[in-house]
Amino acid sequence: MSEANSAPRANRVGITASVMLATTIYALDSTIANVALPHMQGSLNATRDQVSWAVTSFVAAMAIMTLPIGFLAQKFGRRRVFLSCILGFTASSMACGAAGSLPEMVLYRIMQGACGAAMVPLSQAILLDTYPPERHASAMSIWGVGVMVGPVLGPIIGGWLTDAYSWRWVFYINLPFGALAFLGIMVFLGESPKREASFDWFGFIAFAIAVGALQLMLDRGETNGWFESGETIIEAATAGAAFYVFVVHLATAENPLVSLSIFRDRNFTLCTTLMLVVGMVFLGSMVLLPLFLQQLRGLTVLDTGILLAPRGIGMMVSMVIAGRMSGRIDSRILMSFGMVMAMYSMWATSGFDMTVDDWRVTWTGLLQGGGLGFVFASSSALAFLTLPSQFRLQATGLYSLFRNFGGSVGIAISVGMLEHFAAVNRGELGERLTAFSPWFRNPEVMPWLPAGAAGAAMLDLELGRQALMIAYLNDFLLMAAIGFVGLPLIALLRTPKSIR
């Protein structure tokens, strides 16, 4: 029996508030650390691409640990799994704050991501079971607002804590949130029925190896010179072989880790693919922009957080609007409109320069967040519209997996391509700088440049800054192009009217 039929109506508010608070912890941590990356880079003695591992390791661990959630919830009960994950997430957050080196940080972030993997799919499944089908769109909009509190408050809180105290406090802040979520779930959420369930360890290990090898290849590929390196070739071969074994195993095993029957549902398959694309664009850009604003625009970490907050605000507002428009306007129209809005904002971002004003950063952020809000809200409702209820828990896990996996791939690609573009641009700009250039010997052209070795050093520094600036613009344009790939998928979705 679903919670919608078994739980008193008055208890729905308590259940909703509790699971939204737990989801907010995840959402907060997915963005709060981004503004602190430049400070973490110096403290942990890491390069620009290495410090991004603190983000990709967290997201990749969440993607891997999403698959066992259905098994764990069936065997031990939703409530117990939820409470255990919140406890582990909070403890690993404390460990992240105390990390003294990059390897320690990556290890603790993996633990944090593994514990946080259950929060989003379990909360989503609980709300879908708590509310009747005719209120699923509204329930997903309410849930989405809880998810979006993180992107709104995360950059501001992260910027303020880093500026006033230390980047370590962006992890310590999880302690009070974790404690409140733990208590709320203990009080309001009843335990779900348990039943014996077997777990496909072979499929899980194959999937974990595939994702881990692919993430290592993407994270270290640019540093190693991609396929000129034996390490990259080994990682690529391992990822390909493990993915092949995983897919074959799913098709032939008696009790596979994931039922391929879920992907026979057209809406679910299309929406999860769309989330893969959106995750790449959203999380990839959310890592790039703080680095750009602090390293080239010269903003403080607090100012950076304030300028990033409009993305979350736009997303929150549009998700509420999408919930209210549900049933009145075709969801495919809302999703298409949202995708165009978001990708246009990414295209506009590719026209930034080092003197870009705050208003331009703000309105592009509002536009991107608003567009993605329409996509998230409508997709969350349509993905499960025609899916049988017995697949719901497994499906919500897969839905989160695709979004998280897309995010980890997007971050790795965006940061890796940033380094590649910067190196290429530096070489092309350097070709135009010679000692025989007429303007190079004319002090009236560049009066700020002193003579001798000091002038050469300053010129080299400026050359690197300009090359990096162009690299950021190339990366933003790449994210926009990736986003438009998902637009045709929306036309193939089925809505309630088309089903009737």
Protein backbone atom coordinates (compact mmCIF):
# COMPACT_ATOMS: atom_id res chain seq x y z
CA MET A 1 0.00 0.00 0.00
CA SER A 2 1.37 3.44 -0.89
CA GLU A 3 1.90 6.11 1.71
CA ALA A 4 -0.74 8.18 -0.01
CA ASN A 5 -3.33 5.67 1.10
CA SER A 6 -1.85 4.67 4.47
CA ALA A 7 -0.58 7.95 5.94
CA PRO A 8 -2.92 10.55 7.48
CA ARG A 9 -3.27 13.70 5.39
CA ALA A 10 -1.98 15.84 8.27
CA ASN A 11 1.25 13.85 8.24
CA ARG A 12 1.99 14.70 4.61
CA VAL A 13 3.26 18.12 5.59
CA GLY A 14 5.73 16.64 8.07
CA ILE A 15 6.91 14.00 5.60
CA THR A 16 7.30 16.60 2.85
CA ALA A 17 9.25 19.01 5.07
CA SER A 18 11.56 16.25 6.35
CA VAL A 19 12.49 14.78 2.97
CA MET A 20 12.90 18.25 1.46
CA LEU A 21 15.33 19.18 4.22
CA ALA A 22 17.34 16.04 3.52
CA THR A 23 17.33 16.85 -0.19
CA THR A 24 18.45 20.40 0.58
CA ILE A 25 21.58 19.05 2.27
CA TYR A 26 22.55 17.34 -0.96
CA ALA A 27 21.62 20.34 -3.10
CA LEU A 28 23.49 22.73 -0.81
CA ASP A 29 26.66 20.66 -0.92
CA SER A 30 26.56 20.28 -4.69
CA THR A 31 27.05 24.05 -5.10
CA ILE A 32 28.42 25.46 -1.85
CA ALA A 33 31.97 24.22 -2.48
CA ASN A 34 32.21 25.55 -6.05
CA VAL A 35 32.86 29.16 -5.04
CA ALA A 36 35.61 28.00 -2.67
CA LEU A 37 37.56 26.04 -5.31
CA PRO A 38 40.25 28.72 -5.88
CA HIS A 39 40.89 28.90 -2.12
CA MET A 40 40.96 25.11 -1.85
CA GLN A 41 43.38 25.01 -4.77
CA GLY A 42 45.98 27.02 -2.86
CA SER A 43 45.40 25.36 0.50
CA LEU A 44 45.62 21.82 -0.90
CA ASN A 45 48.54 22.63 -3.24
CA ALA A 46 46.59 21.59 -6.34
CA THR A 47 46.42 22.79 -9.94
CA ARG A 48 43.25 24.20 -11.53
CA ASP A 49 42.26 20.85 -13.06
CA GLN A 50 43.24 18.84 -9.97
CA VAL A 51 41.08 20.85 -7.58
CA SER A 52 38.04 20.01 -9.74
CA TRP A 53 38.50 16.41 -8.58
CA ALA A 54 36.95 17.52 -5.28
CA VAL A 55 33.73 18.04 -7.26
CA THR A 56 33.92 15.19 -9.79
CA SER A 57 34.77 12.57 -7.13
CA PHE A 58 31.68 13.60 -5.16
CA VAL A 59 29.35 13.45 -8.18
CA ALA A 60 30.83 10.22 -9.57
CA ALA A 61 30.49 8.47 -6.19
CA MET A 62 26.85 9.55 -6.06
CA ALA A 63 26.28 8.14 -9.55
CA ILE A 64 27.82 4.75 -8.65
CA MET A 65 26.01 4.38 -5.34
CA THR A 66 22.62 5.32 -6.79
CA LEU A 67 22.03 1.80 -8.18
CA PRO A 68 22.02 -0.15 -4.86
CA ILE A 69 19.42 2.19 -3.31
CA GLY A 70 16.43 0.10 -4.39
CA PHE A 71 17.94 -3.06 -2.94
CA LEU A 72 18.92 -1.37 0.32
CA ALA A 73 15.47 0.21 0.74
CA GLN A 74 13.74 -3.12 0.15
CA LYS A 75 15.97 -5.11 2.47
CA PHE A 76 16.41 -2.64 5.34
CA GLY A 77 13.53 -0.17 4.83
CA ARG A 78 13.50 3.38 3.48
CA ARG A 79 13.61 5.05 6.88
CA ARG A 80 16.66 3.15 8.11
CA VAL A 81 18.57 3.68 4.87
CA PHE A 82 17.66 7.38 4.86
CA LEU A 83 18.86 7.89 8.44
CA SER A 84 22.09 5.96 7.86
CA CYS A 85 22.91 8.00 4.76
CA ILE A 86 22.29 11.31 6.51
CA LEU A 87 24.53 10.26 9.39
CA GLY A 88 27.31 9.13 7.04
CA PHE A 89 26.96 12.24 4.88
CA THR A 90 27.27 14.55 7.88
CA ALA A 91 30.28 12.68 9.31
CA SER A 92 32.13 12.68 5.97
CA SER A 93 31.38 16.40 5.61
CA MET A 94 33.25 17.00 8.86
CA ALA A 95 36.15 14.94 7.50
CA CYS A 96 36.20 17.03 4.28
CA GLY A 97 36.49 20.19 6.35
CA ALA A 98 39.50 18.76 8.17
CA ALA A 99 41.28 17.44 5.03
CA GLY A 100 44.93 18.44 4.81
CA SER A 101 45.78 17.27 1.28
CA LEU A 102 44.12 16.69 -2.08
CA PRO A 103 44.11 12.86 -1.77
CA GLU A 104 42.38 13.17 1.61
CA MET A 105 39.83 15.58 0.19
CA VAL A 106 39.06 13.30 -2.76
CA LEU A 107 38.69 10.27 -0.44
CA TYR A 108 36.32 12.06 1.92
CA ARG A 109 34.33 13.53 -0.96
CA ILE A 110 33.88 10.01 -2.37
CA MET A 111 32.53 8.92 1.03
CA GLN A 112 30.28 11.97 1.13
CA GLY A 113 28.92 11.30 -2.35
CA ALA A 114 28.36 7.62 -1.60
CA CYS A 115 26.32 8.46 1.50
CA GLY A 116 24.41 11.27 -0.22
CA ALA A 117 23.39 9.17 -3.21
CA ALA A 118 20.17 7.97 -1.57
CA MET A 119 18.83 11.36 -0.53
CA VAL A 120 17.40 12.56 -3.84
CA PRO A 121 15.87 9.33 -5.24
CA LEU A 122 14.45 8.23 -1.88
CA SER A 123 12.91 11.64 -1.21
CA GLN A 124 11.47 11.74 -4.71
CA ALA A 125 10.01 8.23 -4.41
CA ILE A 126 8.56 8.97 -0.96
CA LEU A 127 6.77 12.09 -2.21
CA LEU A 128 5.41 10.27 -5.26
CA ASP A 129 3.97 7.62 -2.94
CA THR A 130 2.72 10.14 -0.39
CA TYR A 131 0.65 12.17 -2.87
CA PRO A 132 -2.05 10.83 -5.24
CA PRO A 133 -1.24 10.66 -8.98
CA GLU A 134 -3.23 13.80 -9.85
CA ARG A 135 -0.97 15.80 -7.49
CA HIS A 136 2.35 14.36 -8.65
CA ALA A 137 3.24 17.43 -10.72
CA SER A 138 2.60 19.74 -7.76
CA ALA A 139 4.52 17.40 -5.43
CA MET A 140 7.50 17.39 -7.79
CA SER A 141 7.38 21.18 -7.97
CA ILE A 142 7.43 21.39 -4.15
CA TRP A 143 10.28 18.88 -4.07
CA GLY A 144 12.07 20.85 -6.78
CA VAL A 145 11.89 24.03 -4.73
CA GLY A 146 13.62 22.16 -1.91
CA VAL A 147 16.29 21.03 -4.35
CA MET A 148 16.72 24.58 -5.59
CA VAL A 149 17.29 26.10 -2.16
CA GLY A 150 20.82 24.74 -2.45
CA PRO A 151 21.72 26.56 -5.68
CA VAL A 152 20.23 29.79 -4.25
CA LEU A 153 21.80 29.73 -0.80
CA GLY A 154 24.83 27.54 -1.56
CA PRO A 155 26.98 30.10 -3.41
CA ILE A 156 26.09 32.91 -0.99
CA ILE A 157 26.67 30.85 2.16
CA GLY A 158 29.81 29.31 0.68
CA GLY A 159 31.16 32.71 -0.33
CA TRP A 160 30.42 34.28 3.05
CA LEU A 161 31.91 31.38 5.04
CA THR A 162 35.04 31.29 2.89
CA ASP A 163 35.47 35.06 3.02
CA ALA A 164 34.77 35.46 6.75
CA TYR A 165 36.28 32.25 8.07
CA SER A 166 37.74 29.54 5.82
CA TRP A 167 36.74 27.27 2.95
CA ARG A 168 36.60 24.45 5.51
CA TRP A 169 33.39 25.89 6.92
CA VAL A 170 31.53 25.16 3.67
CA PHE A 171 31.65 21.54 4.85
CA TYR A 172 31.21 22.13 8.58
CA ILE A 173 27.91 23.94 7.86
CA ASN A 174 26.35 20.56 7.01
CA LEU A 175 26.32 19.57 10.69
CA PRO A 176 23.20 21.55 11.76
CA PHE A 177 21.35 20.72 8.54
CA GLY A 178 22.18 17.05 8.95
CA ALA A 179 21.03 17.01 12.56
CA LEU A 180 17.68 18.65 11.72
CA ALA A 181 17.04 16.29 8.80
CA PHE A 182 17.90 13.28 10.95
CA LEU A 183 15.47 14.32 13.68
CA GLY A 184 12.69 15.21 11.22
CA ILE A 185 12.82 11.87 9.45
CA MET A 186 12.88 9.99 12.75
CA VAL A 187 9.71 11.77 13.88
CA PHE A 188 7.57 11.92 10.73
CA LEU A 189 8.63 9.15 8.35
CA GLY A 190 7.29 5.69 8.99
CA GLU A 191 9.23 2.58 8.01
CA SER A 192 8.36 0.98 4.69
CA PRO A 193 7.64 -2.75 4.39
CA LYS A 194 10.77 -4.90 4.11
CA ARG A 195 11.17 -7.93 1.93
CA GLU A 196 13.94 -10.28 1.03
CA ALA A 197 15.89 -9.09 -1.97
CA SER A 198 18.97 -10.33 -3.76
CA PHE A 199 21.64 -7.98 -4.99
CA ASP A 200 23.50 -8.25 -8.28
CA TRP A 201 27.05 -7.76 -7.03
CA PHE A 202 28.61 -8.71 -10.37
CA GLY A 203 26.63 -6.06 -12.24
CA PHE A 204 27.32 -3.45 -9.57
CA ILE A 205 31.10 -4.08 -9.61
CA ALA A 206 31.16 -3.93 -13.42
CA PHE A 207 29.27 -0.64 -13.38
CA ALA A 208 31.51 0.85 -10.66
CA ILE A 209 34.67 -0.10 -12.58
CA ALA A 210 33.25 1.38 -15.78
CA VAL A 211 32.28 4.71 -14.21
CA GLY A 212 35.48 4.94 -12.15
CA ALA A 213 37.74 4.24 -15.14
CA LEU A 214 35.86 6.70 -17.34
CA GLN A 215 36.05 9.40 -14.66
CA LEU A 216 39.81 8.86 -14.21
CA MET A 217 40.29 9.10 -17.97
CA LEU A 218 38.35 12.35 -18.20
CA ASP A 219 39.98 13.88 -15.10
CA ARG A 220 43.57 13.02 -16.04
CA GLY A 221 43.31 12.88 -19.83
CA GLU A 222 44.34 16.48 -20.53
CA THR A 223 47.29 16.29 -18.12
CA ASN A 224 48.49 13.01 -19.64
CA GLY A 225 48.10 14.15 -23.25
CA TRP A 226 45.03 11.98 -23.79
CA PHE A 227 45.74 8.93 -25.95
CA GLU A 228 49.43 9.68 -26.21
CA SER A 229 49.57 8.29 -22.67
CA GLY A 230 49.49 4.60 -21.85
CA GLU A 231 47.50 5.37 -18.69
CA THR A 232 44.68 6.96 -20.67
CA ILE A 233 44.56 4.03 -23.10
CA ILE A 234 44.32 1.56 -20.21
CA GLU A 235 41.57 3.61 -18.53
CA ALA A 236 39.59 3.91 -21.77
CA ALA A 237 39.92 0.20 -22.51
CA THR A 238 38.89 -0.69 -18.96
CA ALA A 239 35.85 1.60 -19.09
CA GLY A 240 34.74 0.25 -22.48
CA ALA A 241 35.17 -3.39 -21.49
CA ALA A 242 33.40 -2.91 -18.14
CA PHE A 243 30.44 -1.11 -19.77
CA TYR A 244 30.15 -3.91 -22.34
CA VAL A 245 30.18 -6.58 -19.62
CA PHE A 246 27.63 -4.58 -17.62
CA VAL A 247 25.16 -4.25 -20.52
CA VAL A 248 25.52 -7.91 -21.55
CA HIS A 249 25.02 -8.98 -17.95
CA LEU A 250 21.84 -6.89 -17.65
CA ALA A 251 20.43 -8.57 -20.75
CA THR A 252 21.27 -12.14 -19.71
CA ALA A 253 21.18 -12.30 -15.88
CA GLU A 254 18.17 -13.73 -14.08
CA ASN A 255 18.04 -10.97 -11.45
CA PRO A 256 20.06 -8.07 -12.86
CA LEU A 257 21.00 -4.91 -11.01
CA VAL A 258 18.67 -2.88 -13.24
CA SER A 259 15.64 -4.19 -15.07
CA LEU A 260 15.92 -3.30 -18.74
CA SER A 261 12.12 -3.30 -18.84
CA ILE A 262 12.26 0.19 -17.35
CA PHE A 263 13.84 1.53 -20.52
CA ARG A 264 10.96 0.22 -22.61
CA ASP A 265 9.02 3.17 -21.29
CA ARG A 266 9.60 5.89 -23.87
CA ASN A 267 9.08 8.84 -21.54
CA PHE A 268 11.46 7.53 -18.91
CA THR A 269 14.21 6.74 -21.42
CA LEU A 270 13.94 10.13 -23.12
CA CYS A 271 13.82 12.08 -19.84
CA THR A 272 16.83 10.28 -18.37
CA THR A 273 18.80 10.95 -21.56
CA LEU A 274 17.77 14.59 -21.37
CA MET A 275 18.93 14.73 -17.74
CA LEU A 276 22.30 13.38 -18.83
CA VAL A 277 22.68 16.33 -21.21
CA VAL A 278 21.28 18.91 -18.78
CA GLY A 279 23.52 17.62 -15.99
CA MET A 280 26.58 18.10 -18.19
CA VAL A 281 25.66 21.69 -19.01
CA PHE A 282 24.40 22.80 -15.60
CA LEU A 283 27.13 21.36 -13.37
CA GLY A 284 29.87 22.02 -15.92
CA SER A 285 29.01 25.72 -16.10
CA MET A 286 28.58 25.94 -12.30
CA VAL A 287 32.23 24.94 -11.89
CA LEU A 288 33.55 27.16 -14.68
CA LEU A 289 31.84 30.41 -13.70
CA PRO A 290 33.21 30.75 -10.12
CA LEU A 291 36.74 30.15 -11.41
CA PHE A 292 36.27 32.77 -14.12
CA LEU A 293 34.80 35.41 -11.81
CA GLN A 294 37.54 35.05 -9.22
CA GLN A 295 40.60 34.39 -11.37
CA LEU A 296 39.95 36.79 -14.26
CA ARG A 297 37.14 39.11 -13.20
CA GLY A 298 38.93 39.64 -9.86
CA LEU A 299 35.87 39.27 -7.61
CA THR A 300 35.97 38.16 -4.00
CA VAL A 301 34.54 34.79 -3.10
CA LEU A 302 31.53 36.43 -1.40
CA ASP A 303 30.76 38.63 -4.42
CA THR A 304 31.06 35.54 -6.61
CA GLY A 305 28.54 33.70 -4.46
CA ILE A 306 26.08 36.60 -4.63
CA LEU A 307 26.34 36.74 -8.43
CA LEU A 308 25.77 32.98 -8.71
CA ALA A 309 22.64 33.03 -6.53
CA PRO A 310 20.30 34.35 -9.29
CA ARG A 311 20.67 31.02 -11.10
CA GLY A 312 19.02 29.27 -8.19
CA ILE A 313 16.41 32.00 -7.81
CA GLY A 314 15.43 31.77 -11.47
CA MET A 315 15.24 27.99 -11.22
CA MET A 316 13.08 28.10 -8.09
CA VAL A 317 10.62 30.59 -9.59
CA SER A 318 10.26 28.75 -12.89
CA MET A 319 9.71 25.41 -11.14
CA VAL A 320 6.84 26.91 -9.16
CA ILE A 321 5.38 28.38 -12.37
CA ALA A 322 5.78 25.03 -14.15
CA GLY A 323 3.90 23.30 -11.33
CA ARG A 324 1.00 25.74 -11.54
CA MET A 325 0.87 25.47 -15.33
CA SER A 326 0.79 21.68 -15.21
CA GLY A 327 -2.28 20.46 -17.08
CA ARG A 328 -2.93 23.84 -18.67
CA ILE A 329 0.01 24.05 -21.05
CA ASP A 330 1.67 21.15 -22.85
CA SER A 331 4.72 20.17 -20.79
CA ARG A 332 6.75 19.73 -23.96
CA ILE A 333 6.24 23.41 -24.77
CA LEU A 334 7.48 24.41 -21.32
CA MET A 335 10.51 22.14 -21.61
CA SER A 336 11.40 23.40 -25.10
CA PHE A 337 11.02 27.01 -23.97
CA GLY A 338 13.23 26.28 -20.95
CA MET A 339 15.96 24.61 -23.00
CA VAL A 340 16.08 27.53 -25.44
CA MET A 341 16.26 30.00 -22.53
CA ALA A 342 19.09 28.09 -20.83
CA MET A 343 21.16 27.58 -23.94
CA TYR A 344 20.70 31.18 -25.07
CA SER A 345 22.07 32.30 -21.72
CA MET A 346 25.11 30.04 -22.19
CA TRP A 347 25.63 31.54 -25.64
CA ALA A 348 25.39 35.03 -24.10
CA THR A 349 27.92 34.02 -21.45
CA SER A 350 30.38 33.15 -24.22
CA GLY A 351 30.49 36.90 -24.99
CA PHE A 352 31.84 37.90 -21.56
CA ASP A 353 35.14 39.70 -21.08
CA MET A 354 37.31 40.51 -18.06
CA THR A 355 35.37 43.71 -17.41
CA VAL A 356 31.89 42.18 -17.67
CA ASP A 357 29.51 44.06 -15.41
CA ASP A 358 27.54 42.48 -12.57
CA TRP A 359 24.16 43.01 -14.26
CA ARG A 360 25.15 40.96 -17.29
CA VAL A 361 26.28 38.09 -15.08
CA THR A 362 23.04 38.39 -13.11
CA TRP A 363 20.57 38.35 -16.00
CA THR A 364 22.31 35.50 -17.80
CA GLY A 365 22.21 33.54 -14.54
CA LEU A 366 18.52 34.24 -14.05
CA LEU A 367 17.81 33.20 -17.63
CA GLN A 368 19.78 29.98 -17.36
CA GLY A 369 18.28 29.03 -14.01
CA GLY A 370 14.77 29.88 -15.17
CA GLY A 371 15.13 27.79 -18.29
CA LEU A 372 16.53 24.77 -16.48
CA GLY A 373 13.76 25.06 -13.88
CA PHE A 374 11.13 24.55 -16.57
CA VAL A 375 13.06 21.53 -17.86
CA PHE A 376 13.58 19.94 -14.44
CA ALA A 377 9.98 20.36 -13.24
CA SER A 378 8.31 19.08 -16.41
CA SER A 379 10.80 16.27 -16.93
CA SER A 380 10.40 15.02 -13.35
CA ALA A 381 6.65 14.67 -13.91
CA LEU A 382 6.74 13.19 -17.44
CA ALA A 383 9.53 10.69 -16.69
CA PHE A 384 7.27 8.63 -14.42
CA LEU A 385 3.93 9.35 -16.12
CA THR A 386 3.53 5.99 -17.85
CA LEU A 387 5.94 3.92 -15.74
CA PRO A 388 4.42 1.03 -13.70
CA SER A 389 4.53 1.75 -9.97
CA GLN A 390 6.62 -1.35 -9.18
CA PHE A 391 9.55 0.23 -11.04
CA ARG A 392 9.25 3.61 -9.32
CA LEU A 393 12.01 3.33 -6.70
CA GLN A 394 14.49 1.85 -9.15
CA ALA A 395 13.49 4.44 -11.74
CA THR A 396 14.02 7.42 -9.42
CA GLY A 397 17.49 6.06 -8.67
CA LEU A 398 18.31 5.76 -12.36
CA TYR A 399 16.92 9.23 -13.01
CA SER A 400 19.30 10.69 -10.41
CA LEU A 401 22.13 8.51 -11.70
CA PHE A 402 21.87 9.91 -15.22
CA ARG A 403 21.81 13.49 -13.90
CA ASN A 404 24.77 12.92 -11.58
CA PHE A 405 26.77 10.98 -14.16
CA GLY A 406 26.14 13.70 -16.72
CA GLY A 407 27.32 16.26 -14.19
CA SER A 408 30.56 14.43 -13.43
CA VAL A 409 31.28 14.00 -17.15
CA GLY A 410 30.38 17.64 -17.84
CA ILE A 411 32.69 18.95 -15.11
CA ALA A 412 35.57 16.78 -16.29
CA ILE A 413 35.08 17.79 -19.92
CA SER A 414 34.68 21.50 -19.17
CA VAL A 415 37.76 21.72 -16.93
CA GLY A 416 39.82 19.49 -19.23
CA MET A 417 38.87 21.48 -22.31
CA LEU A 418 39.58 24.71 -20.42
CA GLU A 419 43.20 23.63 -19.99
CA HIS A 420 43.36 22.49 -23.63
CA PHE A 421 41.87 25.71 -25.00
CA ALA A 422 44.17 27.81 -22.79
CA ALA A 423 47.27 26.03 -24.07
CA VAL A 424 46.20 26.28 -27.72
CA ASN A 425 45.22 29.94 -27.40
CA ARG A 426 48.47 30.79 -25.66
CA GLY A 427 50.43 29.23 -28.49
CA GLU A 428 48.44 31.08 -31.15
CA LEU A 429 48.73 34.42 -29.36
CA GLY A 430 52.43 33.83 -28.68
CA GLU A 431 53.12 33.38 -32.39
CA ARG A 432 52.23 37.05 -32.85
CA LEU A 433 54.65 38.25 -30.18
CA THR A 434 58.20 38.69 -31.39
CA ALA A 435 60.99 41.06 -30.51
CA PHE A 436 60.72 42.50 -34.03
CA SER A 437 57.04 43.48 -33.77
CA PRO A 438 56.82 47.27 -34.37
CA TRP A 439 54.35 47.84 -31.55
CA PHE A 440 56.53 45.82 -29.14
CA ARG A 441 59.33 48.41 -29.43
CA ASN A 442 57.01 51.41 -29.26
CA PRO A 443 56.56 52.54 -25.62
CA GLU A 444 53.55 54.69 -26.60
CA VAL A 445 51.54 51.57 -27.51
CA MET A 446 51.99 49.85 -24.14
CA PRO A 447 53.14 52.52 -21.66
CA TRP A 448 52.37 50.20 -18.72
CA LEU A 449 55.05 47.73 -19.84
CA PRO A 450 58.51 48.37 -18.28
CA ALA A 451 61.67 47.61 -20.19
CA GLY A 452 63.84 44.54 -19.74
CA ALA A 453 63.12 41.26 -17.97
CA ALA A 454 60.35 42.76 -15.82
CA GLY A 455 58.45 43.84 -18.92
CA ALA A 456 58.86 40.43 -20.54
CA ALA A 457 57.51 38.74 -17.39
CA MET A 458 54.50 41.06 -17.26
CA LEU A 459 53.81 40.49 -20.94
CA ASP A 460 53.98 36.72 -20.45
CA LEU A 461 51.53 36.96 -17.54
CA GLU A 462 49.10 39.02 -19.59
CA LEU A 463 49.45 36.58 -22.48
CA GLY A 464 48.40 33.75 -20.17
CA ARG A 465 45.41 35.74 -18.87
CA GLN A 466 44.17 36.54 -22.36
CA ALA A 467 44.59 32.92 -23.48
CA LEU A 468 42.65 31.73 -20.42
CA MET A 469 39.91 34.31 -21.07
CA ILE A 470 39.40 33.01 -24.60
CA ALA A 471 39.45 29.45 -23.25
CA TYR A 472 36.57 30.24 -20.87
CA LEU A 473 34.53 31.70 -23.73
CA ASN A 474 35.21 28.63 -25.88
CA ASP A 475 34.11 26.40 -23.01
CA PHE A 476 30.87 28.32 -22.45
CA LEU A 477 30.08 28.02 -26.15
CA LEU A 478 30.81 24.28 -26.00
CA MET A 479 28.33 23.88 -23.12
CA ALA A 480 25.67 25.70 -25.15
CA ALA A 481 26.23 23.41 -28.14
CA ILE A 482 25.95 20.30 -25.94
CA GLY A 483 22.67 21.56 -24.49
CA PHE A 484 21.02 21.99 -27.87
CA VAL A 485 21.62 18.28 -28.57
CA GLY A 486 18.89 17.45 -26.05
CA LEU A 487 16.25 19.70 -27.60
CA PRO A 488 14.91 17.22 -30.22
CA LEU A 489 14.26 14.61 -27.51
CA ILE A 490 11.47 16.72 -26.03
CA ALA A 491 9.27 16.42 -29.15
CA LEU A 492 9.14 12.63 -28.72
CA LEU A 493 7.73 12.72 -25.18
CA ARG A 494 4.15 11.69 -24.39
CA THR A 495 1.88 13.88 -22.27
CA PRO A 496 -1.36 12.95 -20.44
CA LYS A 497 -3.42 14.30 -23.36
CA SER A 498 -1.49 12.30 -25.95
CA ILE A 499 -1.93 9.13 -23.85
CA ARG A 500 -5.71 9.56 -23.75
